[in-house]
Amino acid sequence: MTLRFYFFLTVTTLFCLSTSAQNSSVPYRVMFWNVENLFDTQHDSLKNDYDFLPEAIRKWNPKRYQKKIDDVARVIAAVGEQTIPALVGLCEVENEYVLESLVKYSPLKEQTYQYTMTNSPDERGIDVALLYQRDKFKLLESRSIQITKKEANYRPTRDILHVTGIVPTNDTVDVFVVHFPSKAGGAKESEKFRMQVARKLSNEVDSIIATRYLPQVLIMGDFNDYPNSRSIAEVLEVKPISIKAHPTRLYNLLDNEVESEYSFGSYKYKGRWQLIDLLIVSGNLLDNNSSFYTTEKNAHIARLHFLLTNDPKYGGKQPYRTYNGMKYQGGISDHLPVYTDFILK
């Protein structure tokens, strides 16, 4: 072989290695979780947090609080598997104190998590929050979107958290974390309140889509409604991914997680699994030609064995919750986390 041939072989090999490295993809995990009443043990005079005090019937004391903080941290790490999630949406967190405990005084303390959260008028004092790793998400803006009162019997609900940031591919992503009103008082009677929050969220998303050059929207939260409910299917116009993705329409990443109605979900009520914790993306985030995207195959419900326990009444498994009514069980949450992997190219 000639020297020229060796030179050609070396250059070709280096070029192939370089091209392979450029085309390789790195997972970027995002999760959402309703952590079921993550309260501290101190009374807030402006909130109805009386059930979660040491002297209350639930006997919510520092020992139980610290166990909950450690358990939540371990679940986040477990969902991350080899790589801790870059973004973690949370709901039912009381205040900044519990988030400080989570990111600084728990098994997560070695990570680089920062957080941003709402300060809602919710009567119980629960809010939504976003944890983010500073080296994987450059925070540009965070704002709390309040839901204005329109009904005489309207109870103040959680604000919508809107966070804008830059991911490692230099893409700008708009993240919304939501916790829609519950079905307390009846599903039909309370539907109008979820519809109101959905309309507010829809207007905010439409504004981004109209102003961003390349709108990339991620919505995660506890919707207290199903994918085919009016608030999601009609107001937000969320579509299944089986339909060809349009860049500015919204799609439910977790459609493939429900084999049939009530077969499995993120929450169990009277023996029926329900998918009420959702990950929704705009069509631009489903484009595999872009540098930051995901697919429905990457989205899952985290069915970790230690998050489940036997369901003695209805059979099968159910989430291992912290409390069953007023009785302390020592579990972690009545919801299962949901997550997806975005691809960084």
Protein backbone atom coordinates (compact mmCIF):
# COMPACT_ATOMS: atom_id res chain seq x y z
CA MET A 1 0.00 0.00 0.00
CA THR A 2 1.19 3.51 -0.79
CA LEU A 3 1.49 6.42 1.61
CA ARG A 4 -1.29 8.15 -0.33
CA PHE A 5 -3.62 5.21 0.33
CA TYR A 6 -2.86 5.29 4.08
CA PHE A 7 -3.55 9.02 4.09
CA PHE A 8 -6.87 8.50 2.28
CA LEU A 9 -7.87 5.69 4.67
CA THR A 10 -7.07 7.81 7.74
CA VAL A 11 -9.00 10.85 6.48
CA THR A 12 -12.02 8.70 5.53
CA THR A 13 -12.08 7.02 8.94
CA LEU A 14 -11.90 10.34 10.79
CA PHE A 15 -14.68 11.77 8.61
CA CYS A 16 -16.94 8.79 9.33
CA LEU A 17 -16.30 9.04 13.07
CA SER A 18 -17.02 12.76 13.01
CA THR A 19 -20.25 12.28 11.05
CA SER A 20 -21.34 9.51 13.39
CA ALA A 21 -20.73 11.73 16.42
CA GLN A 22 -22.72 14.59 14.89
CA ASN A 23 -25.66 12.30 14.09
CA SER A 24 -25.69 10.58 17.49
CA SER A 25 -28.63 11.46 19.75
CA VAL A 26 -28.65 12.15 23.46
CA PRO A 27 -31.81 11.60 25.56
CA TYR A 28 -33.22 14.57 27.44
CA ARG A 29 -35.77 13.28 29.94
CA VAL A 30 -38.75 15.34 31.08
CA MET A 31 -41.18 14.15 33.76
CA PHE A 32 -44.32 15.32 35.50
CA TRP A 33 -45.72 14.14 38.82
CA ASN A 34 -48.52 15.01 41.21
CA VAL A 35 -46.76 14.38 44.53
CA GLU A 36 -49.93 14.32 46.69
CA ASN A 37 -49.97 17.06 49.31
CA LEU A 38 -46.30 17.92 49.77
CA PHE A 39 -46.86 20.21 52.77
CA ASP A 40 -44.39 21.39 55.37
CA THR A 41 -45.31 21.10 59.07
CA GLN A 42 -45.76 24.82 59.76
CA HIS A 43 -49.07 26.69 59.64
CA ASP A 44 -49.49 29.41 57.01
CA SER A 45 -52.01 31.88 58.38
CA LEU A 46 -53.25 32.67 54.87
CA LYS A 47 -53.94 29.05 53.87
CA ASN A 48 -56.17 26.18 54.91
CA ASP A 49 -53.32 23.79 55.72
CA TYR A 50 -54.71 22.63 59.08
CA ASP A 51 -54.84 18.94 58.06
CA PHE A 52 -51.06 18.89 57.65
CA LEU A 53 -49.84 19.99 61.05
CA PRO A 54 -48.33 17.87 63.85
CA GLU A 55 -51.33 18.41 66.14
CA ALA A 56 -53.92 17.65 63.41
CA ILE A 57 -55.70 14.32 62.99
CA ARG A 58 -53.24 13.31 60.26
CA LYS A 59 -50.31 13.95 62.63
CA TRP A 60 -48.13 15.35 59.85
CA ASN A 61 -44.83 15.67 61.73
CA PRO A 62 -41.19 16.40 60.79
CA LYS A 63 -40.30 12.70 60.58
CA ARG A 64 -43.08 11.96 58.11
CA TYR A 65 -42.28 15.13 56.20
CA GLN A 66 -38.61 14.23 55.78
CA LYS A 67 -39.51 10.71 54.68
CA LYS A 68 -41.81 12.15 52.03
CA ILE A 69 -39.10 14.54 50.80
CA ASP A 70 -36.55 11.70 50.55
CA ASP A 71 -39.04 9.40 48.82
CA VAL A 72 -39.97 12.04 46.23
CA ALA A 73 -36.27 12.63 45.53
CA ARG A 74 -35.61 8.93 45.07
CA VAL A 75 -38.52 8.57 42.68
CA ILE A 76 -37.24 11.43 40.54
CA ALA A 77 -33.82 9.76 40.44
CA ALA A 78 -35.38 6.37 39.65
CA VAL A 79 -37.46 7.79 36.79
CA GLY A 80 -34.27 9.31 35.42
CA GLU A 81 -32.55 5.89 35.42
CA GLN A 82 -28.97 6.49 34.20
CA THR A 83 -29.56 10.23 33.67
CA ILE A 84 -31.46 12.44 36.11
CA PRO A 85 -34.42 14.21 34.41
CA ALA A 86 -33.54 17.60 32.97
CA LEU A 87 -37.01 19.01 33.72
CA VAL A 88 -39.44 17.92 36.44
CA GLY A 89 -42.93 19.38 36.65
CA LEU A 90 -44.60 18.99 40.05
CA CYS A 91 -48.02 19.78 41.46
CA GLU A 92 -49.46 19.80 44.98
CA VAL A 93 -46.37 21.46 46.47
CA GLU A 94 -47.09 23.96 49.24
CA ASN A 95 -44.30 26.52 49.04
CA GLU A 96 -40.65 27.31 48.38
CA TYR A 97 -39.61 25.72 51.66
CA VAL A 98 -40.59 22.22 50.49
CA LEU A 99 -38.78 22.77 47.20
CA GLU A 100 -35.67 23.93 49.05
CA SER A 101 -35.87 20.75 51.12
CA LEU A 102 -36.16 18.71 47.94
CA VAL A 103 -33.27 20.20 45.98
CA LYS A 104 -30.86 20.93 48.87
CA TYR A 105 -31.60 18.51 51.72
CA SER A 106 -32.54 15.25 50.04
CA PRO A 107 -30.83 12.62 47.83
CA LEU A 108 -31.14 15.19 45.01
CA LYS A 109 -28.73 17.60 46.70
CA GLU A 110 -25.81 16.52 44.50
CA GLN A 111 -27.73 17.54 41.38
CA THR A 112 -27.86 21.06 39.94
CA TYR A 113 -31.59 21.57 40.27
CA GLN A 114 -33.08 25.02 40.49
CA TYR A 115 -36.80 25.66 40.68
CA THR A 116 -39.52 28.12 39.83
CA MET A 117 -43.11 27.98 41.06
CA THR A 118 -46.46 29.76 41.23
CA ASN A 119 -47.96 31.54 44.22
CA SER A 120 -51.61 30.75 43.68
CA PRO A 121 -54.75 31.85 45.54
CA ASP A 122 -55.71 28.19 46.01
CA GLU A 123 -57.42 27.88 49.40
CA ARG A 124 -55.31 24.92 50.51
CA GLY A 125 -52.12 26.62 49.42
CA ILE A 126 -50.94 24.04 46.89
CA ASP A 127 -49.05 25.14 43.79
CA VAL A 128 -47.27 23.89 40.70
CA ALA A 129 -43.52 24.05 40.13
CA LEU A 130 -40.77 23.22 37.67
CA LEU A 131 -37.38 21.82 38.65
CA TYR A 132 -34.69 22.34 36.02
CA GLN A 133 -31.02 21.52 35.74
CA ARG A 134 -29.07 24.69 35.10
CA ASP A 135 -26.68 23.10 32.61
CA LYS A 136 -29.58 21.65 30.58
CA PHE A 137 -32.13 24.44 30.68
CA LYS A 138 -31.25 28.14 30.61
CA LEU A 139 -34.14 29.98 32.22
CA LEU A 140 -35.25 33.06 30.29
CA GLU A 141 -38.58 33.85 31.92
CA SER A 142 -41.02 32.44 34.45
CA ARG A 143 -44.48 33.80 35.11
CA SER A 144 -47.61 32.81 36.98
CA ILE A 145 -50.88 33.07 35.05
CA GLN A 146 -53.87 33.55 37.35
CA ILE A 147 -57.36 32.32 36.56
CA THR A 148 -59.85 35.15 37.12
CA LYS A 149 -63.13 34.59 38.93
CA LYS A 150 -66.17 34.35 36.63
CA GLU A 151 -68.66 32.35 38.67
CA ALA A 152 -70.36 33.22 41.96
CA ASN A 153 -69.43 29.84 43.46
CA TYR A 154 -65.97 29.81 41.93
CA ARG A 155 -63.22 28.58 44.24
CA PRO A 156 -59.74 30.02 43.57
CA THR A 157 -57.62 27.48 41.74
CA ARG A 158 -53.98 26.95 40.91
CA ASP A 159 -52.21 29.39 38.58
CA ILE A 160 -50.70 28.17 35.34
CA LEU A 161 -46.90 28.21 35.39
CA HIS A 162 -45.32 29.38 32.13
CA VAL A 163 -41.56 28.95 31.82
CA THR A 164 -39.42 29.85 28.81
CA GLY A 165 -35.91 28.46 28.47
CA ILE A 166 -33.18 27.34 26.12
CA VAL A 167 -32.15 23.68 25.83
CA PRO A 168 -28.61 22.54 24.86
CA THR A 169 -29.45 22.58 21.13
CA ASN A 170 -30.17 26.34 21.47
CA ASP A 171 -33.85 25.72 20.86
CA THR A 172 -36.26 27.91 22.82
CA VAL A 173 -38.99 25.89 24.53
CA ASP A 174 -42.10 27.19 26.26
CA VAL A 175 -43.14 24.93 29.15
CA PHE A 176 -46.54 25.09 30.86
CA VAL A 177 -47.20 23.26 34.14
CA VAL A 178 -50.87 22.98 35.09
CA HIS A 179 -53.15 21.55 37.76
CA PHE A 180 -56.76 21.83 36.61
CA PRO A 181 -59.63 22.07 39.14
CA SER A 182 -60.75 18.76 40.61
CA LYS A 183 -64.09 17.02 40.18
CA ALA A 184 -65.16 17.82 43.74
CA GLY A 185 -68.89 18.37 43.74
CA GLY A 186 -69.36 16.17 40.69
CA ALA A 187 -67.75 15.80 37.26
CA LYS A 188 -70.57 17.58 35.42
CA GLU A 189 -70.95 20.37 37.95
CA SER A 190 -67.20 21.12 38.04
CA GLU A 191 -66.56 20.79 34.30
CA LYS A 192 -67.06 24.51 33.67
CA PHE A 193 -64.12 25.32 35.95
CA ARG A 194 -61.75 23.03 34.04
CA MET A 195 -63.06 24.47 30.80
CA GLN A 196 -62.25 27.97 32.04
CA VAL A 197 -58.63 27.04 32.82
CA ALA A 198 -58.36 25.25 29.47
CA ARG A 199 -59.51 28.38 27.62
CA LYS A 200 -56.93 30.49 29.45
CA LEU A 201 -54.20 27.97 28.62
CA SER A 202 -55.35 27.80 24.99
CA ASN A 203 -55.14 31.59 24.65
CA GLU A 204 -51.62 31.61 26.09
CA VAL A 205 -50.48 28.85 23.72
CA ASP A 206 -52.09 30.59 20.73
CA SER A 207 -50.20 33.77 21.62
CA ILE A 208 -46.87 31.91 21.61
CA ILE A 209 -47.64 30.16 18.35
CA ALA A 210 -48.51 33.50 16.77
CA THR A 211 -45.35 35.28 17.92
CA ARG A 212 -42.56 32.67 18.01
CA TYR A 213 -40.61 32.02 14.80
CA LEU A 214 -40.44 28.31 15.64
CA PRO A 215 -42.94 27.69 18.45
CA GLN A 216 -42.06 24.67 20.57
CA VAL A 217 -44.61 24.15 23.34
CA LEU A 218 -44.62 21.51 26.08
CA ILE A 219 -47.61 21.26 28.44
CA MET A 220 -47.53 18.91 31.41
CA GLY A 221 -49.84 18.54 34.33
CA ASP A 222 -52.70 16.98 36.21
CA PHE A 223 -55.73 17.87 34.10
CA ASN A 224 -58.31 16.07 36.27
CA ASP A 225 -59.84 15.21 32.88
CA TYR A 226 -59.30 12.54 30.24
CA PRO A 227 -57.80 13.00 26.76
CA ASN A 228 -61.30 12.83 25.24
CA SER A 229 -62.82 15.32 27.72
CA ARG A 230 -64.13 18.61 26.37
CA SER A 231 -61.48 20.69 28.12
CA ILE A 232 -58.71 18.83 26.31
CA ALA A 233 -60.24 17.56 23.06
CA GLU A 234 -62.41 20.60 22.26
CA VAL A 235 -60.93 23.65 23.98
CA LEU A 236 -57.22 22.80 23.67
CA GLU A 237 -57.92 20.76 20.51
CA VAL A 238 -55.35 18.13 21.49
CA LYS A 239 -55.09 15.42 18.85
CA PRO A 240 -53.78 11.84 18.88
CA ILE A 241 -50.36 11.46 17.25
CA SER A 242 -51.69 8.95 14.72
CA ILE A 243 -52.78 12.02 12.76
CA LYS A 244 -49.94 13.61 10.77
CA ALA A 245 -48.47 16.27 13.02
CA HIS A 246 -49.04 19.90 12.09
CA PRO A 247 -46.28 22.21 13.41
CA THR A 248 -48.61 24.41 15.45
CA ARG A 249 -51.26 21.93 16.65
CA LEU A 250 -51.19 20.13 20.01
CA TYR A 251 -50.75 16.37 20.49
CA ASN A 252 -51.04 13.97 23.42
CA LEU A 253 -47.83 11.99 23.80
CA LEU A 254 -49.40 9.36 26.07
CA ASP A 255 -52.10 8.03 23.74
CA ASN A 256 -50.20 4.77 23.28
CA GLU A 257 -50.13 4.15 27.05
CA VAL A 258 -53.83 3.37 27.24
CA GLU A 259 -54.55 0.00 25.67
CA SER A 260 -58.28 0.39 26.27
CA GLU A 261 -60.44 2.65 28.41
CA TYR A 262 -59.69 2.25 32.13
CA SER A 263 -57.05 -0.47 31.50
CA PHE A 264 -54.22 1.61 32.91
CA GLY A 265 -53.40 5.18 33.70
CA SER A 266 -51.69 7.50 36.15
CA TYR A 267 -54.46 7.54 38.77
CA LYS A 268 -56.93 4.93 40.05
CA TYR A 269 -60.44 5.81 41.22
CA LYS A 270 -62.95 3.20 42.42
CA GLY A 271 -61.04 0.41 40.75
CA ARG A 272 -60.63 2.14 37.39
CA TRP A 273 -57.32 3.42 36.08
CA GLN A 274 -57.56 6.89 34.55
CA LEU A 275 -55.12 8.88 32.44
CA ILE A 276 -55.40 12.40 33.84
CA ASP A 277 -51.68 13.30 34.01
CA LEU A 278 -50.65 14.26 30.51
CA LEU A 279 -47.71 15.36 28.39
CA ILE A 280 -48.82 17.51 25.45
CA VAL A 281 -46.56 18.94 22.75
CA SER A 282 -46.88 21.16 19.72
CA GLY A 283 -46.24 19.55 16.35
CA ASN A 284 -42.81 21.16 15.98
CA LEU A 285 -41.60 18.96 18.85
CA LEU A 286 -42.56 15.83 16.85
CA ASP A 287 -40.44 16.72 13.83
CA ASN A 288 -37.55 14.23 13.75
CA ASN A 289 -35.69 16.49 11.32
CA SER A 290 -35.25 19.09 14.04
CA SER A 291 -32.49 19.15 16.63
CA PHE A 292 -34.89 18.75 19.58
CA TYR A 293 -37.84 16.40 19.29
CA THR A 294 -39.68 13.45 20.81
CA THR A 295 -42.05 10.65 19.74
CA GLU A 296 -45.02 8.89 21.31
CA LYS A 297 -42.84 5.79 21.72
CA ASN A 298 -40.65 7.77 24.13
CA ALA A 299 -43.53 8.68 26.46
CA HIS A 300 -44.50 6.43 29.38
CA ILE A 301 -46.19 6.13 32.74
CA ALA A 302 -43.60 5.24 35.39
CA ARG A 303 -44.92 1.95 36.77
CA LEU A 304 -42.16 1.56 39.34
CA HIS A 305 -42.92 -1.36 41.65
CA PHE A 306 -42.39 0.65 44.85
CA LEU A 307 -44.97 3.20 43.70
CA LEU A 308 -47.65 0.49 43.62
CA THR A 309 -49.38 -1.59 46.25
CA ASN A 310 -52.14 -4.19 46.27
CA ASP A 311 -55.70 -2.95 45.85
CA PRO A 312 -57.64 -5.01 48.44
CA LYS A 313 -61.07 -3.74 47.40
CA TYR A 314 -60.97 -3.84 43.59
CA GLY A 315 -58.03 -6.14 42.94
CA GLY A 316 -54.81 -5.59 41.03
CA LYS A 317 -52.51 -2.73 41.93
CA GLN A 318 -53.03 0.88 42.92
CA PRO A 319 -50.70 3.83 43.65
CA TYR A 320 -49.07 3.60 47.07
CA ARG A 321 -50.36 6.84 48.53
CA THR A 322 -49.17 8.73 51.61
CA TYR A 323 -52.61 8.83 53.22
CA ASN A 324 -55.77 6.79 52.74
CA GLY A 325 -58.31 9.31 53.98
CA MET A 326 -56.92 10.38 57.34
CA LYS A 327 -54.92 7.19 57.87
CA TYR A 328 -51.17 7.40 57.30
CA GLN A 329 -49.91 4.62 55.02
CA GLY A 330 -46.34 5.75 54.50
CA GLY A 331 -46.59 5.63 50.72
CA ILE A 332 -45.46 8.31 48.30
CA SER A 333 -48.30 9.55 46.09
CA ASP A 334 -51.76 8.72 44.76
CA HIS A 335 -50.52 9.45 41.22
CA LEU A 336 -47.87 7.82 39.06
CA PRO A 337 -45.28 9.99 37.27
CA VAL A 338 -45.31 10.39 33.50
CA TYR A 339 -42.23 11.08 31.41
CA THR A 340 -40.81 11.32 27.91
CA ASP A 341 -37.37 11.44 26.32
CA PHE A 342 -36.58 14.24 23.92
CA ILE A 343 -33.75 13.69 21.48
CA LEU A 344 -30.91 16.22 21.24
CA LYS A 345 -29.11 16.09 17.91
